[in-house]
Amino acid sequence: MEDIGLIGMVSIIVAGFTIAIGSIGPALGEGRALAQALSAMAQQPDESDAITRTLFVGLAMIESTAIYCFVIALIVIFANPFWDFVIQ
């Protein structure tokens, strides 16, 4: 197999693992945060506005981890420095 084909194959595999592993943690964290928020709203319905606002901020911060993994996967596929090394 040529070097460029090998680098392409490894880049795609690493990008897939990055997305797979990088989305498991945020998914579990978002599920747990939502469950805790619903439990808190059930116990204190008067504070549901504050809980909801805090929940959305927390979910956005948790989701940023998955977005960072997506950006890293795109960099590995499209802006991989090894492409230039092999081409030259």
C-alpha atoms as a PDB file:
ATOM      1  CA  MET A   1       0.000   0.000   0.000  1.00  0.00           C
ATOM      2  CA  GLU A   2       1.270   3.450  -0.815  1.00  0.00           C
ATOM      3  CA  ASP A   3       2.099   5.896   1.944  1.00  0.00           C
ATOM      4  CA  ILE A   4      -0.637   8.325   0.962  1.00  0.00           C
ATOM      5  CA  GLY A   5      -3.258   5.577   1.053  1.00  0.00           C
ATOM      6  CA  LEU A   6      -2.087   4.432   4.453  1.00  0.00           C
ATOM      7  CA  ILE A   7      -2.189   7.952   5.861  1.00  0.00           C
ATOM      8  CA  GLY A   8      -5.671   8.457   4.420  1.00  0.00           C
ATOM      9  CA  MET A   9      -6.931   5.216   5.936  1.00  0.00           C
ATOM     10  CA  VAL A  10      -5.438   5.919   9.355  1.00  0.00           C
ATOM     11  CA  SER A  11      -6.787   9.490   9.297  1.00  0.00           C
ATOM     12  CA  ILE A  12     -10.317   8.280   8.627  1.00  0.00           C
ATOM     13  CA  ILE A  13     -10.119   5.604  11.330  1.00  0.00           C
ATOM     14  CA  VAL A  14      -8.744   8.053  13.903  1.00  0.00           C
ATOM     15  CA  ALA A  15     -11.422  10.605  12.998  1.00  0.00           C
ATOM     16  CA  GLY A  16     -14.106   7.951  13.480  1.00  0.00           C
ATOM     17  CA  PHE A  17     -12.760   6.948  16.876  1.00  0.00           C
ATOM     18  CA  THR A  18     -12.494  10.605  17.877  1.00  0.00           C
ATOM     19  CA  ILE A  19     -16.145  11.220  17.080  1.00  0.00           C
ATOM     20  CA  ALA A  20     -17.273   7.940  18.671  1.00  0.00           C
ATOM     21  CA  ILE A  21     -15.405   8.339  21.935  1.00  0.00           C
ATOM     22  CA  GLY A  22     -15.858  12.103  22.033  1.00  0.00           C
ATOM     23  CA  SER A  23     -19.624  11.847  21.807  1.00  0.00           C
ATOM     24  CA  ILE A  24     -20.120   9.151  24.451  1.00  0.00           C
ATOM     25  CA  GLY A  25     -19.082  11.356  27.384  1.00  0.00           C
ATOM     26  CA  PRO A  26     -21.216  14.372  26.480  1.00  0.00           C
ATOM     27  CA  ALA A  27     -24.224  12.143  25.767  1.00  0.00           C
ATOM     28  CA  LEU A  28     -23.974  10.525  29.186  1.00  0.00           C
ATOM     29  CA  GLY A  29     -23.373  13.888  30.846  1.00  0.00           C
ATOM     30  CA  GLU A  30     -26.344  15.510  29.138  1.00  0.00           C
ATOM     31  CA  GLY A  31     -28.607  12.621  30.103  1.00  0.00           C
ATOM     32  CA  ARG A  32     -27.519  12.789  33.715  1.00  0.00           C
ATOM     33  CA  ALA A  33     -27.888  16.595  33.824  1.00  0.00           C
ATOM     34  CA  LEU A  34     -31.379  16.400  32.354  1.00  0.00           C
ATOM     35  CA  ALA A  35     -32.426  13.686  34.810  1.00  0.00           C
ATOM     36  CA  GLN A  36     -31.145  15.704  37.758  1.00  0.00           C
ATOM     37  CA  ALA A  37     -32.833  18.874  36.493  1.00  0.00           C
ATOM     38  CA  LEU A  38     -36.168  17.088  36.098  1.00  0.00           C
ATOM     39  CA  SER A  39     -35.804  15.653  39.573  1.00  0.00           C
ATOM     40  CA  ALA A  40     -35.054  19.110  40.991  1.00  0.00           C
ATOM     41  CA  MET A  41     -38.047  20.613  39.158  1.00  0.00           C
ATOM     42  CA  ALA A  42     -40.294  17.885  40.537  1.00  0.00           C
ATOM     43  CA  GLN A  43     -39.135  18.673  44.078  1.00  0.00           C
ATOM     44  CA  GLN A  44     -39.196  22.486  43.715  1.00  0.00           C
ATOM     45  CA  PRO A  45     -41.622  23.586  40.996  1.00  0.00           C
ATOM     46  CA  ASP A  46     -41.299  27.264  41.995  1.00  0.00           C
ATOM     47  CA  GLU A  47     -37.621  27.290  40.988  1.00  0.00           C
ATOM     48  CA  SER A  48     -38.170  25.698  37.570  1.00  0.00           C
ATOM     49  CA  ASP A  49     -37.222  28.889  35.677  1.00  0.00           C
ATOM     50  CA  ALA A  50     -33.828  29.135  37.398  1.00  0.00           C
ATOM     51  CA  ILE A  51     -33.228  25.399  37.047  1.00  0.00           C
ATOM     52  CA  THR A  52     -34.095  25.480  33.344  1.00  0.00           C
ATOM     53  CA  ARG A  53     -31.829  28.450  32.675  1.00  0.00           C
ATOM     54  CA  THR A  54     -28.937  26.813  34.506  1.00  0.00           C
ATOM     55  CA  LEU A  55     -29.638  23.519  32.717  1.00  0.00           C
ATOM     56  CA  PHE A  56     -29.390  25.123  29.274  1.00  0.00           C
ATOM     57  CA  VAL A  57     -26.095  26.811  30.131  1.00  0.00           C
ATOM     58  CA  GLY A  58     -24.739  23.523  31.460  1.00  0.00           C
ATOM     59  CA  LEU A  59     -25.916  21.583  28.421  1.00  0.00           C
ATOM     60  CA  ALA A  60     -24.219  24.094  26.122  1.00  0.00           C
ATOM     61  CA  MET A  61     -20.951  23.670  28.019  1.00  0.00           C
ATOM     62  CA  ILE A  62     -21.245  19.883  27.910  1.00  0.00           C
ATOM     63  CA  GLU A  63     -22.029  19.939  24.185  1.00  0.00           C
ATOM     64  CA  SER A  64     -18.921  22.010  23.503  1.00  0.00           C
ATOM     65  CA  THR A  65     -16.819  18.927  24.279  1.00  0.00           C
ATOM     66  CA  ALA A  66     -18.483  17.012  21.436  1.00  0.00           C
ATOM     67  CA  ILE A  67     -18.018  20.006  19.129  1.00  0.00           C
ATOM     68  CA  TYR A  68     -14.303  20.120  19.961  1.00  0.00           C
ATOM     69  CA  CYS A  69     -14.012  16.422  19.079  1.00  0.00           C
ATOM     70  CA  PHE A  70     -15.802  17.087  15.791  1.00  0.00           C
ATOM     71  CA  VAL A  71     -13.382  19.918  14.975  1.00  0.00           C
ATOM     72  CA  ILE A  72     -10.402  17.692  15.772  1.00  0.00           C
ATOM     73  CA  ALA A  73     -11.811  14.970  13.506  1.00  0.00           C
ATOM     74  CA  LEU A  74     -12.206  17.477  10.664  1.00  0.00           C
ATOM     75  CA  ILE A  75      -8.634  18.667  11.170  1.00  0.00           C
ATOM     76  CA  VAL A  76      -7.338  15.092  11.106  1.00  0.00           C
ATOM     77  CA  ILE A  77      -9.148  14.398   7.840  1.00  0.00           C
ATOM     78  CA  PHE A  78      -8.782  17.640   5.899  1.00  0.00           C
ATOM     79  CA  ALA A  79      -5.819  19.550   7.388  1.00  0.00           C
ATOM     80  CA  ASN A  80      -3.551  16.660   8.300  1.00  0.00           C
ATOM     81  CA  PRO A  81       0.084  17.804   8.173  1.00  0.00           C
ATOM     82  CA  PHE A  82       1.200  14.333   7.104  1.00  0.00           C
ATOM     83  CA  TRP A  83      -0.507  14.813   3.705  1.00  0.00           C
ATOM     84  CA  ASP A  84       1.990  17.522   2.786  1.00  0.00           C
ATOM     85  CA  PHE A  85       4.874  15.428   4.107  1.00  0.00           C
ATOM     86  CA  VAL A  86       3.970  12.439   1.912  1.00  0.00           C
ATOM     87  CA  ILE A  87       3.170  14.497  -1.188  1.00  0.00           C
ATOM     88  CA  GLN A  88       6.610  16.174  -1.150  1.00  0.00           C
END
